[in-house]
Protein backbone atom coordinates (compact mmCIF):
# COMPACT_ATOMS: atom_id res chain seq x y z
CA MET A 1 -1.72 14.05 15.99
CA THR A 2 -4.11 13.47 13.07
CA GLN A 3 -7.38 11.90 14.19
CA LEU A 4 -8.09 8.59 12.51
CA ARG A 5 -11.76 8.66 11.54
CA PHE A 6 -11.95 4.88 11.18
CA GLY A 7 -9.47 4.13 13.93
CA PRO A 8 -6.56 1.74 13.54
CA PRO A 9 -6.99 -1.49 11.56
CA PRO A 10 -8.19 -4.66 13.32
CA GLU A 11 -5.65 -5.96 15.81
CA ARG A 12 -5.39 -9.46 14.38
CA ALA A 13 -1.77 -9.90 13.31
CA PHE A 14 -1.06 -11.11 9.78
CA ASP A 15 2.42 -11.03 8.28
CA ILE A 16 3.68 -12.62 5.09
CA ALA A 17 6.85 -12.30 3.03
CA ALA A 18 7.84 -13.23 -0.53
CA THR A 19 9.59 -16.54 -1.10
CA ALA A 20 12.57 -17.03 -3.41
CA GLU A 21 10.29 -18.93 -5.80
CA GLN A 22 7.85 -16.00 -5.92
CA VAL A 23 10.64 -13.53 -6.62
CA GLU A 24 11.93 -15.72 -9.46
CA PHE A 25 8.43 -16.10 -10.94
CA PHE A 26 7.95 -12.32 -10.85
CA ARG A 27 11.29 -11.64 -12.54
CA GLU A 28 10.46 -14.07 -15.32
CA ASN A 29 6.80 -13.17 -15.86
CA GLY A 30 6.43 -9.58 -14.62
CA TYR A 31 3.53 -10.32 -12.29
CA LEU A 32 2.78 -12.34 -9.17
CA VAL A 33 -0.38 -13.68 -7.51
CA VAL A 34 -0.43 -13.78 -3.69
CA GLU A 35 -3.27 -15.89 -2.37
CA ARG A 36 -3.62 -14.05 0.98
CA ILE A 37 -2.10 -10.70 1.92
CA THR A 38 -4.58 -9.45 4.52
CA THR A 39 -7.43 -10.65 6.72
CA ASP A 40 -11.17 -10.74 6.23
CA GLU A 41 -11.52 -8.39 9.21
CA GLU A 42 -9.25 -5.85 7.58
CA LEU A 43 -11.10 -6.11 4.27
CA GLU A 44 -14.28 -5.15 6.10
CA TRP A 45 -12.49 -2.18 7.70
CA LEU A 46 -10.97 -1.09 4.38
CA THR A 47 -14.36 -1.34 2.67
CA LYS A 48 -15.80 1.22 5.08
CA ILE A 49 -12.97 3.61 4.20
CA PHE A 50 -13.47 2.86 0.49
CA GLU A 51 -17.15 3.80 0.73
CA ALA A 52 -16.30 7.07 2.49
CA VAL A 53 -13.72 7.89 -0.18
CA PHE A 54 -16.38 7.73 -2.89
CA ASP A 55 -19.39 8.95 -0.94
CA GLU A 56 -17.76 12.21 0.14
CA PRO A 57 -17.12 14.86 -2.55
CA SER A 58 -13.46 15.26 -3.45
CA ALA A 59 -11.45 16.80 -6.26
CA ALA A 60 -9.39 13.58 -6.18
CA THR A 61 -12.36 11.55 -7.50
CA PHE A 62 -13.16 11.42 -11.21
CA ASP A 63 -14.45 9.17 -13.99
CA PRO A 64 -11.54 8.19 -16.27
CA GLY A 65 -12.50 7.87 -19.92
CA ALA A 66 -15.84 9.66 -19.57
CA GLU A 67 -16.95 11.30 -22.81
CA PRO A 68 -17.64 15.07 -22.82
CA GLY A 69 -21.28 15.77 -22.07
CA TYR A 70 -22.06 12.30 -20.74
CA ASP A 71 -24.48 12.61 -17.82
CA GLY A 72 -25.49 8.98 -17.27
CA PRO A 73 -24.48 6.72 -14.39
CA SER A 74 -20.79 6.31 -13.69
CA LEU A 75 -19.15 3.43 -15.57
CA LEU A 76 -15.77 3.65 -13.84
CA THR A 77 -14.74 5.87 -10.94
CA GLN A 78 -11.30 6.45 -9.50
CA SER A 79 -10.12 8.36 -6.43
CA MET A 80 -6.50 9.31 -5.97
CA PHE A 81 -4.39 9.30 -2.80
CA PRO A 82 -6.94 8.11 -0.20
CA GLU A 83 -4.09 8.13 2.34
CA LEU A 84 -4.18 11.94 2.34
CA ARG A 85 -7.72 11.89 3.77
CA PHE A 86 -7.52 8.60 5.63
CA PRO A 87 -3.93 8.07 6.81
CA GLU A 88 -5.03 5.02 8.79
CA VAL A 89 -4.82 2.96 5.58
CA MET A 90 -1.02 3.19 5.88
CA GLN A 91 -1.26 1.17 9.12
CA SER A 92 -2.97 -1.76 7.40
CA ALA A 93 -1.58 -5.27 7.12
CA TYR A 94 -2.16 -4.93 3.36
CA HIS A 95 0.20 -1.98 3.19
CA ARG A 96 2.75 -3.54 5.52
CA ASN A 97 2.84 -6.86 3.67
CA ALA A 98 2.70 -5.28 0.22
CA ARG A 99 5.67 -3.04 1.02
CA ARG A 100 7.58 -6.13 2.16
CA PHE A 101 6.75 -7.91 -1.10
CA ALA A 102 7.61 -4.85 -3.19
CA SER A 103 10.97 -4.59 -1.47
CA ALA A 104 11.79 -8.22 -2.28
CA LEU A 105 10.52 -8.07 -5.87
CA LEU A 106 12.44 -4.86 -6.60
CA GLY A 107 15.55 -5.97 -4.73
CA LEU A 108 15.52 -2.83 -2.58
CA ARG A 109 15.40 -2.15 1.14
CA SER A 110 11.94 -1.37 2.49
CA GLU A 111 13.03 2.07 3.71
CA GLN A 112 13.99 3.01 0.14
CA LEU A 113 10.34 2.79 -0.92
CA THR A 114 7.48 5.23 -0.58
CA MET A 115 3.82 4.60 -1.39
CA TRP A 116 0.81 6.24 -2.93
CA GLY A 117 -2.58 4.69 -3.48
CA HIS A 118 -5.79 5.01 -5.41
CA MET A 119 -9.16 3.31 -5.29
CA ILE A 120 -11.23 2.17 -8.27
CA ARG A 121 -14.93 1.33 -8.33
CA LYS A 122 -16.72 -0.50 -11.14
CA PRO A 123 -20.52 -0.53 -10.78
CA PRO A 124 -22.48 -3.75 -11.23
CA ARG A 125 -23.74 -5.04 -14.58
CA LYS A 126 -22.39 -2.25 -16.74
CA SER A 127 -18.95 -0.65 -16.51
CA LEU A 128 -15.89 0.24 -18.54
CA ALA A 129 -12.89 -2.00 -18.91
CA ALA A 130 -9.52 -0.80 -17.68
CA PRO A 131 -7.89 -1.21 -21.12
CA TRP A 132 -4.59 -2.94 -21.77
CA HIS A 133 -1.86 -0.58 -20.62
CA GLN A 134 1.48 -0.29 -18.84
CA ASP A 135 1.78 1.76 -15.67
CA GLU A 136 5.01 3.33 -16.90
CA ALA A 137 3.00 4.97 -19.70
CA TYR A 138 1.44 7.24 -17.05
CA TRP A 139 4.76 8.40 -15.62
CA GLU A 140 5.85 12.00 -16.02
CA PRO A 141 8.29 12.13 -18.98
CA GLU A 142 10.71 14.42 -17.12
CA LEU A 143 11.14 12.04 -14.17
CA ASP A 144 12.83 8.69 -13.67
CA TYR A 145 11.24 6.14 -11.36
CA ASN A 146 11.60 2.62 -10.03
CA ALA A 147 8.30 1.15 -8.92
CA ILE A 148 5.99 -1.82 -8.58
CA GLY A 149 2.20 -2.02 -8.36
CA ALA A 150 0.12 -3.95 -5.82
CA TRP A 151 -3.59 -4.59 -6.51
CA LEU A 152 -6.07 -5.66 -3.83
CA PRO A 153 -9.77 -6.29 -4.49
CA LEU A 154 -11.85 -5.91 -1.34
CA HIS A 155 -13.71 -9.16 -2.06
CA GLU A 156 -13.50 -12.28 -4.17
CA VAL A 157 -12.99 -11.33 -7.81
CA THR A 158 -13.58 -13.33 -10.99
CA VAL A 159 -12.98 -12.56 -14.65
CA GLU A 160 -16.62 -11.48 -14.92
CA ARG A 161 -16.21 -9.11 -11.96
CA GLY A 162 -12.99 -7.59 -13.33
CA CYS A 163 -9.97 -9.48 -12.02
CA MET A 164 -6.47 -8.62 -13.20
CA GLN A 165 -5.20 -10.07 -16.47
CA PHE A 166 -1.53 -9.93 -17.52
CA ILE A 167 0.64 -10.58 -20.57
CA PRO A 168 3.49 -12.68 -19.11
CA GLY A 169 6.96 -11.44 -20.00
CA SER A 170 5.76 -8.12 -21.42
CA HIS A 171 7.84 -6.28 -18.80
CA LYS A 172 10.96 -7.28 -20.75
CA GLY A 173 9.97 -5.12 -23.72
CA ASP A 174 9.69 -1.39 -24.29
CA VAL A 175 6.84 0.94 -23.40
CA HIS A 176 4.16 0.59 -26.08
CA MET A 177 2.57 3.53 -27.80
CA HIS A 178 -0.60 4.48 -25.95
CA GLY A 179 -3.71 6.46 -26.80
CA HIS A 180 -6.65 7.75 -24.80
CA VAL A 181 -10.09 6.20 -24.37
CA GLY A 182 -12.64 8.98 -24.46
CA ASP A 183 -11.74 12.49 -23.34
CA PRO A 184 -7.96 12.86 -22.85
CA ARG A 185 -8.76 14.84 -19.68
CA GLY A 186 -9.97 11.53 -18.20
CA ASN A 187 -6.50 10.09 -18.83
CA LEU A 188 -7.62 6.50 -19.48
CA LEU A 189 -4.84 4.96 -21.57
CA VAL A 190 -4.89 2.00 -23.94
CA ALA A 191 -1.75 0.36 -25.34
CA GLU A 192 -1.26 -0.41 -29.02
CA GLY A 193 -0.07 -3.75 -30.38
CA VAL A 194 -1.19 -6.04 -27.54
CA ASP A 195 -1.38 -9.77 -28.27
CA GLU A 196 -4.42 -10.55 -26.12
CA ALA A 197 -4.15 -14.28 -26.94
CA LYS A 198 -1.26 -14.43 -24.45
CA ALA A 199 -3.33 -13.02 -21.57
CA VAL A 200 -3.44 -14.83 -18.23
CA ALA A 201 -6.43 -14.06 -16.01
CA CYS A 202 -5.85 -14.03 -12.24
CA PRO A 203 -9.08 -14.48 -10.26
CA LEU A 204 -8.62 -14.09 -6.51
CA SER A 205 -10.28 -15.18 -3.31
CA ALA A 206 -10.99 -12.48 -0.73
CA GLY A 207 -7.74 -11.29 0.81
CA GLY A 208 -5.63 -12.14 -2.24
CA ALA A 209 -3.60 -9.63 -4.24
CA THR A 210 -1.44 -9.29 -7.33
CA PHE A 211 1.81 -7.45 -8.02
CA HIS A 212 3.10 -6.27 -11.38
CA HIS A 213 6.10 -4.59 -12.98
CA PRO A 214 5.46 -1.08 -14.38
CA ARG A 215 6.01 -2.37 -17.94
CA THR A 216 3.77 -5.43 -17.59
CA LEU A 217 0.72 -5.12 -19.82
CA HIS A 218 -2.43 -5.59 -17.77
CA TYR A 219 -6.20 -5.27 -18.12
CA THR A 220 -9.45 -5.70 -16.19
CA ALA A 221 -12.69 -6.54 -18.00
CA PRO A 222 -16.01 -4.76 -17.47
CA ASN A 223 -17.87 -5.88 -14.37
CA VAL A 224 -20.91 -7.81 -15.59
CA THR A 225 -21.93 -9.26 -12.22
CA ASP A 226 -24.68 -8.02 -9.90
CA LEU A 227 -22.08 -6.80 -7.37
CA PRO A 228 -19.76 -3.78 -7.51
CA ARG A 229 -16.04 -4.32 -8.09
CA LEU A 230 -13.91 -2.51 -5.49
CA ALA A 231 -10.14 -2.40 -5.90
CA TYR A 232 -7.41 -0.71 -3.89
CA PRO A 233 -4.09 -0.51 -5.81
CA ILE A 234 -0.94 0.85 -4.18
CA GLU A 235 2.21 1.93 -6.01
CA TYR A 236 5.53 1.42 -4.24
CA GLN A 237 8.35 3.51 -5.66
CA VAL A 238 11.64 5.18 -4.93
CA HIS A 239 11.68 8.96 -4.89
CA PRO A 240 11.82 10.08 -8.55
CA THR A 241 14.77 11.91 -10.04
CA GLN A 242 15.04 14.26 -13.00
CA ARG A 243 15.90 12.63 -16.33
CA THR A 244 18.63 14.16 -18.49
CA SER A 245 16.06 14.29 -21.33
CA PRO A 246 12.30 13.63 -21.23
CA ALA A 247 10.95 10.25 -22.28
CA ASP A 248 8.90 10.09 -25.49
CA ARG A 249 5.33 10.12 -24.15
CA PRO A 250 3.11 12.08 -26.59
CA TRP A 251 -0.04 10.87 -24.82
CA VAL A 252 1.11 12.51 -21.58
CA TYR A 253 1.50 15.83 -23.37
CA ALA A 254 -1.93 15.37 -24.97
CA PHE A 255 -3.42 14.93 -21.48
CA ARG A 256 -1.61 18.02 -20.22
CA GLU A 257 -2.84 20.12 -23.13
CA ALA A 258 -6.44 18.94 -22.68
CA SER A 259 -6.43 19.41 -18.91
CA GLY A 260 -4.38 22.60 -18.70
CA SER A 261 -1.61 20.91 -16.71
CA THR A 262 1.91 22.32 -16.91
CA GLY A 263 3.71 19.22 -15.70
CA PRO A 264 4.78 17.86 -12.33
CA THR A 265 5.57 20.16 -9.43
CA VAL A 266 4.68 17.85 -6.51
CA TYR A 267 4.03 14.18 -5.86
CA VAL A 268 2.63 12.11 -2.99
CA ALA A 269 4.90 9.91 -0.88
CA ASP A 270 3.73 8.10 2.27
CA GLY A 271 0.77 10.39 2.79
CA LYS A 272 2.69 13.63 2.30
CA VAL A 273 2.81 16.06 -0.62
CA VAL A 274 6.44 16.73 -1.51
CA PRO A 275 8.05 18.89 -4.22
CA VAL A 276 9.40 17.30 -7.38
CA PRO A 277 13.23 17.28 -7.39
CA VAL A 278 14.88 19.91 -9.54
C-alpha cells in the first residue's frame, strides 16, 4: 500500500450534490458557482500538500508562458498531476463532491469519469494572467474527449487575487483559434475574438468552487494583492477515444514542434498512467 505522506483528509464529513436548478444553469451558461464544496479543515490540509508540490523539485512543475532567457522571479507556476505524488488528494471531500457534480452536469454516471489534476500558483503583487482560453483548445487533436473542469482556490479569492471569469454561453460555439503567450514550449494559450465586455467575474469565499464546460471561455486576472493565489483545478473526463481524423489545432502542433513532443502516448486517469487507446 502506498504511504500517504500527509495522511488521509480531515474526518469531518461534508457531502453536497448538484440541484436541478444548478444543472439547468450550467447547461444554459456553461459554468457554475458552488458556494461551498469542502471544509476549512480540508483547505488547510490541501494547502500543506500544495506547498510540498511546489517546494519539492519535479519535472511536472513549470512556468507557462515564460519567455526564453527570463531569469527573474516566477510570475505563474503550474504543476501537473499532483495525485501521482500525493494520492491522498483523491480521498478529499473536494474530489468526492466535485466528481458528483461533474457526473450530474455531464449527465453521466460517476463511474464513467476519471480525474486528473493540476495546481497553479500566482505570486503576490505581480503575476501573469491566465489569458482567455477554452480547455478544449489544449486537447490532443487525435483524441476525442468528454470532460468538465472544477476549480478550487485554497482561500477566499477576489477579482484582484485572480478569481475565475467566464463568458456565459460561449460553450455553445466552436473552439476559437488560439495562439501562445511567450514561448510555445510553455504552452500558455490565448483565444482570439473574445468579447470581454460579456465577462462575468466569480469571486469566491473559502471553500467555494466553480465548474465549467471545456468550450467555455474563461480567464483569471493577474494577482495584485499582497497574498499568493493558490488554485487546485481538477478535470473530470471519460477515457478518450481515437478520432477518425485529427481536429484542426495548429497551436498544439506548434507546441509539439517547439517542445520536441511526438504526440500522446499515455495519459493520467485516477492517479495512474495509462496508454492512449489505439
